[in-house]
Amino acid sequence: MALVRYHCAICGESIDDGSQFDPCGVSIFSNLNKHESEQLEQMFFCHYECFKGSLEPGVREYLNFEDQK
């Protein structure tokens, strides 16, 4: 079995698997207004709390993993 290490794209720290939601993957899509063949996707890893903390307060309420247990 290979050892995989994740680093948070927001804080830069290692992501341990001690959290219920970590590691998280955040995908970004570019050129959404263009044809699908011109769109690009990339995934970044982060801590759930780092990602949640980076959102505007009004948007955070839509991030509800805690309510979906």
PDB file of N, CA and C in Angstrom:
ATOM      1  N   MET A   1       0.842  -1.180   0.000  1.00  0.00           N
ATOM      2  CA  MET A   1       0.000   0.000   0.000  1.00  0.00           C
ATOM      3  C   MET A   1       0.886   1.241   0.000  1.00  0.00           C
ATOM      4  N   ALA A   2       0.589   2.204  -0.862  1.00  0.00           N
ATOM      5  CA  ALA A   2       1.388   3.429  -0.970  1.00  0.00           C
ATOM      6  C   ALA A   2       0.918   4.455   0.055  1.00  0.00           C
ATOM      7  N   LEU A   3       1.847   5.172   0.618  1.00  0.00           N
ATOM      8  CA  LEU A   3       1.545   6.244   1.561  1.00  0.00           C
ATOM      9  C   LEU A   3       1.256   7.509   0.763  1.00  0.00           C
ATOM     10  N   VAL A   4       0.078   8.057   0.931  1.00  0.00           N
ATOM     11  CA  VAL A   4      -0.309   9.279   0.233  1.00  0.00           C
ATOM     12  C   VAL A   4      -0.404  10.394   1.256  1.00  0.00           C
ATOM     13  N   ARG A   5       0.254  11.521   0.977  1.00  0.00           N
ATOM     14  CA  ARG A   5       0.203  12.684   1.865  1.00  0.00           C
ATOM     15  C   ARG A   5      -0.510  13.805   1.133  1.00  0.00           C
ATOM     16  N   TYR A   6      -1.372  14.490   1.828  1.00  0.00           N
ATOM     17  CA  TYR A   6      -2.090  15.628   1.277  1.00  0.00           C
ATOM     18  C   TYR A   6      -1.635  16.887   2.005  1.00  0.00           C
ATOM     19  N   HIS A   7      -1.538  17.983   1.265  1.00  0.00           N
ATOM     20  CA  HIS A   7      -1.221  19.278   1.851  1.00  0.00           C
ATOM     21  C   HIS A   7      -2.329  20.251   1.500  1.00  0.00           C
ATOM     22  N   CYS A   8      -2.715  21.046   2.464  1.00  0.00           N
ATOM     23  CA  CYS A   8      -3.809  21.988   2.299  1.00  0.00           C
ATOM     24  C   CYS A   8      -3.379  23.145   1.401  1.00  0.00           C
ATOM     25  N   ALA A   9      -4.154  23.403   0.360  1.00  0.00           N
ATOM     26  CA  ALA A   9      -3.870  24.495  -0.568  1.00  0.00           C
ATOM     27  C   ALA A   9      -4.143  25.856   0.064  1.00  0.00           C
ATOM     28  N   ILE A  10      -4.815  25.887   1.209  1.00  0.00           N
ATOM     29  CA  ILE A  10      -5.145  27.156   1.849  1.00  0.00           C
ATOM     30  C   ILE A  10      -4.131  27.514   2.927  1.00  0.00           C
ATOM     31  N   CYS A  11      -3.840  26.575   3.845  1.00  0.00           N
ATOM     32  CA  CYS A  11      -2.904  26.883   4.932  1.00  0.00           C
ATOM     33  C   CYS A  11      -1.505  26.317   4.700  1.00  0.00           C
ATOM     34  N   GLY A  12      -1.378  25.362   3.786  1.00  0.00           N
ATOM     35  CA  GLY A  12      -0.077  24.779   3.475  1.00  0.00           C
ATOM     36  C   GLY A  12       0.352  23.646   4.388  1.00  0.00           C
ATOM     37  N   GLU A  13      -0.423  23.357   5.412  1.00  0.00           N
ATOM     38  CA  GLU A  13      -0.077  22.300   6.359  1.00  0.00           C
ATOM     39  C   GLU A  13      -0.486  20.932   5.825  1.00  0.00           C
ATOM     40  N   SER A  14       0.092  19.883   6.407  1.00  0.00           N
ATOM     41  CA  SER A  14      -0.309  18.522   6.064  1.00  0.00           C
ATOM     42  C   SER A  14      -1.737  18.275   6.525  1.00  0.00           C
ATOM     43  N   ILE A  15      -2.425  17.433   5.804  1.00  0.00           N
ATOM     44  CA  ILE A  15      -3.789  17.070   6.169  1.00  0.00           C
ATOM     45  C   ILE A  15      -3.764  15.667   6.738  1.00  0.00           C
ATOM     46  N   ASP A  16      -4.005  15.564   8.032  1.00  0.00           N
ATOM     47  CA  ASP A  16      -4.101  14.261   8.682  1.00  0.00           C
ATOM     48  C   ASP A  16      -5.530  13.773   8.541  1.00  0.00           C
ATOM     49  N   ASP A  17      -5.716  12.489   8.682  1.00  0.00           N
ATOM     50  CA  ASP A  17      -7.055  11.950   8.523  1.00  0.00           C
ATOM     51  C   ASP A  17      -7.789  11.828   9.858  1.00  0.00           C
ATOM     52  N   GLY A  18      -7.499  12.737  10.775  1.00  0.00           N
ATOM     53  CA  GLY A  18      -8.146  12.721  12.075  1.00  0.00           C
ATOM     54  C   GLY A  18      -9.501  13.396  12.098  1.00  0.00           C
ATOM     55  N   SER A  19      -9.800  14.168  11.072  1.00  0.00           N
ATOM     56  CA  SER A  19     -11.072  14.874  11.008  1.00  0.00           C
ATOM     57  C   SER A  19     -12.099  14.016  10.292  1.00  0.00           C
ATOM     58  N   GLN A  20     -13.344  14.235  10.609  1.00  0.00           N
ATOM     59  CA  GLN A  20     -14.428  13.480   9.987  1.00  0.00           C
ATOM     60  C   GLN A  20     -14.531  13.762   8.494  1.00  0.00           C
ATOM     61  N   PHE A  21     -14.111  14.953   8.028  1.00  0.00           N
ATOM     62  CA  PHE A  21     -14.304  15.357   6.644  1.00  0.00           C
ATOM     63  C   PHE A  21     -13.008  15.495   5.842  1.00  0.00           C
ATOM     64  N   ASP A  22     -11.858  15.342   6.467  1.00  0.00           N
ATOM     65  CA  ASP A  22     -10.584  15.540   5.778  1.00  0.00           C
ATOM     66  C   ASP A  22     -10.047  14.243   5.202  1.00  0.00           C
ATOM     67  N   PRO A  23      -9.293  14.257   4.138  1.00  0.00           N
ATOM     68  CA  PRO A  23      -9.012  15.446   3.334  1.00  0.00           C
ATOM     69  C   PRO A  23     -10.182  15.769   2.402  1.00  0.00           C
ATOM     70  N   CYS A  24     -10.292  17.044   2.060  1.00  0.00           N
ATOM     71  CA  CYS A  24     -11.301  17.503   1.109  1.00  0.00           C
ATOM     72  C   CYS A  24     -10.629  17.791  -0.226  1.00  0.00           C
ATOM     73  N   GLY A  25     -11.392  17.679  -1.280  1.00  0.00           N
ATOM     74  CA  GLY A  25     -10.932  18.053  -2.608  1.00  0.00           C
ATOM     75  C   GLY A  25     -11.830  19.143  -3.146  1.00  0.00           C
ATOM     76  N   VAL A  26     -11.239  20.243  -3.561  1.00  0.00           N
ATOM     77  CA  VAL A  26     -11.994  21.355  -4.130  1.00  0.00           C
ATOM     78  C   VAL A  26     -11.621  21.450  -5.599  1.00  0.00           C
ATOM     79  N   SER A  27     -12.607  21.306  -6.466  1.00  0.00           N
ATOM     80  CA  SER A  27     -12.365  21.378  -7.910  1.00  0.00           C
ATOM     81  C   SER A  27     -12.687  22.772  -8.417  1.00  0.00           C
ATOM     82  N   ILE A  28     -11.862  23.240  -9.329  1.00  0.00           N
ATOM     83  CA  ILE A  28     -12.104  24.519  -9.979  1.00  0.00           C
ATOM     84  C   ILE A  28     -12.227  24.256 -11.474  1.00  0.00           C
ATOM     85  N   PHE A  29     -13.219  24.859 -12.068  1.00  0.00           N
ATOM     86  CA  PHE A  29     -13.481  24.709 -13.499  1.00  0.00           C
ATOM     87  C   PHE A  29     -13.279  26.064 -14.146  1.00  0.00           C
ATOM     88  N   SER A  30     -12.500  26.109 -15.200  1.00  0.00           N
ATOM     89  CA  SER A  30     -12.282  27.372 -15.916  1.00  0.00           C
ATOM     90  C   SER A  30     -13.092  27.382 -17.207  1.00  0.00           C
ATOM     91  N   ASN A  31     -13.288  28.570 -17.729  1.00  0.00           N
ATOM     92  CA  ASN A  31     -13.972  28.762 -19.014  1.00  0.00           C
ATOM     93  C   ASN A  31     -15.380  28.181 -19.032  1.00  0.00           C
ATOM     94  N   LEU A  32     -16.110  28.320 -17.938  1.00  0.00           N
ATOM     95  CA  LEU A  32     -17.445  27.737 -17.862  1.00  0.00           C
ATOM     96  C   LEU A  32     -18.405  28.294 -18.908  1.00  0.00           C
ATOM     97  N   ASN A  33     -18.112  29.486 -19.395  1.00  0.00           N
ATOM     98  CA  ASN A  33     -18.994  30.095 -20.388  1.00  0.00           C
ATOM     99  C   ASN A  33     -18.626  29.691 -21.814  1.00  0.00           C
ATOM    100  N   LYS A  34     -17.662  28.795 -21.947  1.00  0.00           N
ATOM    101  CA  LYS A  34     -17.218  28.353 -23.269  1.00  0.00           C
ATOM    102  C   LYS A  34     -17.642  26.910 -23.521  1.00  0.00           C
ATOM    103  N   HIS A  35     -17.405  26.455 -24.707  1.00  0.00           N
ATOM    104  CA  HIS A  35     -17.743  25.076 -25.085  1.00  0.00           C
ATOM    105  C   HIS A  35     -17.026  24.100 -24.155  1.00  0.00           C
ATOM    106  N   GLU A  36     -17.644  22.977 -23.896  1.00  0.00           N
ATOM    107  CA  GLU A  36     -17.093  21.982 -22.974  1.00  0.00           C
ATOM    108  C   GLU A  36     -15.668  21.565 -23.331  1.00  0.00           C
ATOM    109  N   SER A  37     -15.348  21.530 -24.603  1.00  0.00           N
ATOM    110  CA  SER A  37     -14.001  21.139 -25.025  1.00  0.00           C
ATOM    111  C   SER A  37     -12.949  22.168 -24.622  1.00  0.00           C
ATOM    112  N   GLU A  38     -13.360  23.385 -24.299  1.00  0.00           N
ATOM    113  CA  GLU A  38     -12.432  24.442 -23.893  1.00  0.00           C
ATOM    114  C   GLU A  38     -12.354  24.603 -22.381  1.00  0.00           C
ATOM    115  N   GLN A  39     -13.178  23.877 -21.663  1.00  0.00           N
ATOM    116  CA  GLN A  39     -13.186  23.975 -20.212  1.00  0.00           C
ATOM    117  C   GLN A  39     -12.061  23.123 -19.624  1.00  0.00           C
ATOM    118  N   LEU A  40     -11.526  23.584 -18.512  1.00  0.00           N
ATOM    119  CA  LEU A  40     -10.452  22.866 -17.819  1.00  0.00           C
ATOM    120  C   LEU A  40     -10.871  22.657 -16.369  1.00  0.00           C
ATOM    121  N   GLU A  41     -10.342  21.600 -15.753  1.00  0.00           N
ATOM    122  CA  GLU A  41     -10.650  21.296 -14.355  1.00  0.00           C
ATOM    123  C   GLU A  41      -9.367  20.944 -13.610  1.00  0.00           C
ATOM    124  N   GLN A  42      -9.292  21.419 -12.364  1.00  0.00           N
ATOM    125  CA  GLN A  42      -8.173  21.049 -11.504  1.00  0.00           C
ATOM    126  C   GLN A  42      -8.689  20.905 -10.086  1.00  0.00           C
ATOM    127  N   MET A  43      -8.150  19.929  -9.353  1.00  0.00           N
ATOM    128  CA  MET A  43      -8.564  19.713  -7.979  1.00  0.00           C
ATOM    129  C   MET A  43      -7.440  20.109  -7.026  1.00  0.00           C
ATOM    130  N   PHE A  44      -7.837  20.756  -5.931  1.00  0.00           N
ATOM    131  CA  PHE A  44      -6.921  21.128  -4.864  1.00  0.00           C
ATOM    132  C   PHE A  44      -7.399  20.454  -3.589  1.00  0.00           C
ATOM    133  N   PHE A  45      -6.469  20.055  -2.739  1.00  0.00           N
ATOM    134  CA  PHE A  45      -6.805  19.428  -1.467  1.00  0.00           C
ATOM    135  C   PHE A  45      -6.745  20.483  -0.374  1.00  0.00           C
ATOM    136  N   CYS A  46      -7.594  20.316   0.629  1.00  0.00           N
ATOM    137  CA  CYS A  46      -7.597  21.270   1.738  1.00  0.00           C
ATOM    138  C   CYS A  46      -8.247  20.642   2.963  1.00  0.00           C
ATOM    139  N   HIS A  47      -8.046  21.305   4.087  1.00  0.00           N
ATOM    140  CA  HIS A  47      -8.791  20.949   5.300  1.00  0.00           C
ATOM    141  C   HIS A  47     -10.222  21.466   5.125  1.00  0.00           C
ATOM    142  N   TYR A  48     -11.167  20.727   5.635  1.00  0.00           N
ATOM    143  CA  TYR A  48     -12.562  21.169   5.602  1.00  0.00           C
ATOM    144  C   TYR A  48     -12.715  22.523   6.295  1.00  0.00           C
ATOM    145  N   GLU A  49     -12.118  22.659   7.474  1.00  0.00           N
ATOM    146  CA  GLU A  49     -12.247  23.910   8.225  1.00  0.00           C
ATOM    147  C   GLU A  49     -11.579  25.082   7.508  1.00  0.00           C
ATOM    148  N   CYS A  50     -10.461  24.847   6.822  1.00  0.00           N
ATOM    149  CA  CYS A  50      -9.808  25.916   6.067  1.00  0.00           C
ATOM    150  C   CYS A  50     -10.703  26.391   4.926  1.00  0.00           C
ATOM    151  N   PHE A  51     -11.282  25.433   4.202  1.00  0.00           N
ATOM    152  CA  PHE A  51     -12.163  25.808   3.102  1.00  0.00           C
ATOM    153  C   PHE A  51     -13.390  26.539   3.626  1.00  0.00           C
ATOM    154  N   LYS A  52     -13.993  25.998   4.653  1.00  0.00           N
ATOM    155  CA  LYS A  52     -15.179  26.627   5.236  1.00  0.00           C
ATOM    156  C   LYS A  52     -14.858  28.048   5.701  1.00  0.00           C
ATOM    157  N   GLY A  53     -13.702  28.229   6.319  1.00  0.00           N
ATOM    158  CA  GLY A  53     -13.295  29.544   6.807  1.00  0.00           C
ATOM    159  C   GLY A  53     -12.968  30.530   5.704  1.00  0.00           C
ATOM    160  N   SER A  54     -12.685  30.032   4.516  1.00  0.00           N
ATOM    161  CA  SER A  54     -12.346  30.938   3.411  1.00  0.00           C
ATOM    162  C   SER A  54     -13.578  31.472   2.692  1.00  0.00           C
ATOM    163  N   LEU A  55     -14.736  30.928   2.995  1.00  0.00           N
ATOM    164  CA  LEU A  55     -15.969  31.356   2.348  1.00  0.00           C
ATOM    165  C   LEU A  55     -16.575  32.570   3.049  1.00  0.00           C
ATOM    166  N   GLU A  56     -17.305  33.354   2.305  1.00  0.00           N
ATOM    167  CA  GLU A  56     -18.056  34.460   2.885  1.00  0.00           C
ATOM    168  C   GLU A  56     -19.108  33.893   3.825  1.00  0.00           C
ATOM    169  N   PRO A  57     -19.416  34.589   4.922  1.00  0.00           N
ATOM    170  CA  PRO A  57     -20.382  34.061   5.886  1.00  0.00           C
ATOM    171  C   PRO A  57     -21.722  33.667   5.261  1.00  0.00           C
ATOM    172  N   GLY A  58     -22.218  34.418   4.300  1.00  0.00           N
ATOM    173  CA  GLY A  58     -23.495  34.089   3.668  1.00  0.00           C
ATOM    174  C   GLY A  58     -23.451  32.818   2.855  1.00  0.00           C
ATOM    175  N   VAL A  59     -22.259  32.442   2.376  1.00  0.00           N
ATOM    176  CA  VAL A  59     -22.101  31.229   1.576  1.00  0.00           C
ATOM    177  C   VAL A  59     -21.860  30.023   2.478  1.00  0.00           C
ATOM    178  N   ARG A  60     -21.240  30.242   3.621  1.00  0.00           N
ATOM    179  CA  ARG A  60     -20.928  29.136   4.548  1.00  0.00           C
ATOM    180  C   ARG A  60     -22.161  28.340   4.937  1.00  0.00           C
ATOM    181  N   GLU A  61     -23.303  28.999   5.012  1.00  0.00           N
ATOM    182  CA  GLU A  61     -24.518  28.301   5.439  1.00  0.00           C
ATOM    183  C   GLU A  61     -24.928  27.208   4.457  1.00  0.00           C
ATOM    184  N   TYR A  62     -24.455  27.277   3.211  1.00  0.00           N
ATOM    185  CA  TYR A  62     -24.766  26.244   2.225  1.00  0.00           C
ATOM    186  C   TYR A  62     -23.844  25.033   2.353  1.00  0.00           C
ATOM    187  N   LEU A  63     -22.727  25.190   3.062  1.00  0.00           N
ATOM    188  CA  LEU A  63     -21.803  24.090   3.283  1.00  0.00           C
ATOM    189  C   LEU A  63     -22.263  23.361   4.541  1.00  0.00           C
ATOM    190  N   ASN A  64     -22.992  22.303   4.370  1.00  0.00           N
ATOM    191  CA  ASN A  64     -23.680  21.692   5.515  1.00  0.00           C
ATOM    192  C   ASN A  64     -23.392  20.204   5.678  1.00  0.00           C
ATOM    193  N   PHE A  65     -22.149  19.810   5.534  1.00  0.00           N
ATOM    194  CA  PHE A  65     -21.810  18.401   5.723  1.00  0.00           C
ATOM    195  C   PHE A  65     -22.197  17.926   7.123  1.00  0.00           C
ATOM    196  N   GLU A  66     -22.071  18.801   8.111  1.00  0.00           N
ATOM    197  CA  GLU A  66     -22.376  18.404   9.475  1.00  0.00           C
ATOM    198  C   GLU A  66     -23.832  17.970   9.616  1.00  0.00           C
ATOM    199  N   ASP A  67     -24.729  18.583   8.827  1.00  0.00           N
ATOM    200  CA  ASP A  67     -26.145  18.263   8.902  1.00  0.00           C
ATOM    201  C   ASP A  67     -26.517  17.000   8.139  1.00  0.00           C
ATOM    202  N   GLN A  68     -25.598  16.455   7.363  1.00  0.00           N
ATOM    203  CA  GLN A  68     -25.909  15.321   6.507  1.00  0.00           C
ATOM    204  C   GLN A  68     -25.429  13.986   7.077  1.00  0.00           C
ATOM    205  N   LYS A  69     -25.034  13.965   8.330  1.00  0.00           N
ATOM    206  CA  LYS A  69     -24.519  12.728   8.943  1.00  0.00           C
ATOM    207  C   LYS A  69     -25.577  11.670   9.003  1.00  0.00           C
TER     208      LYS A  69
END
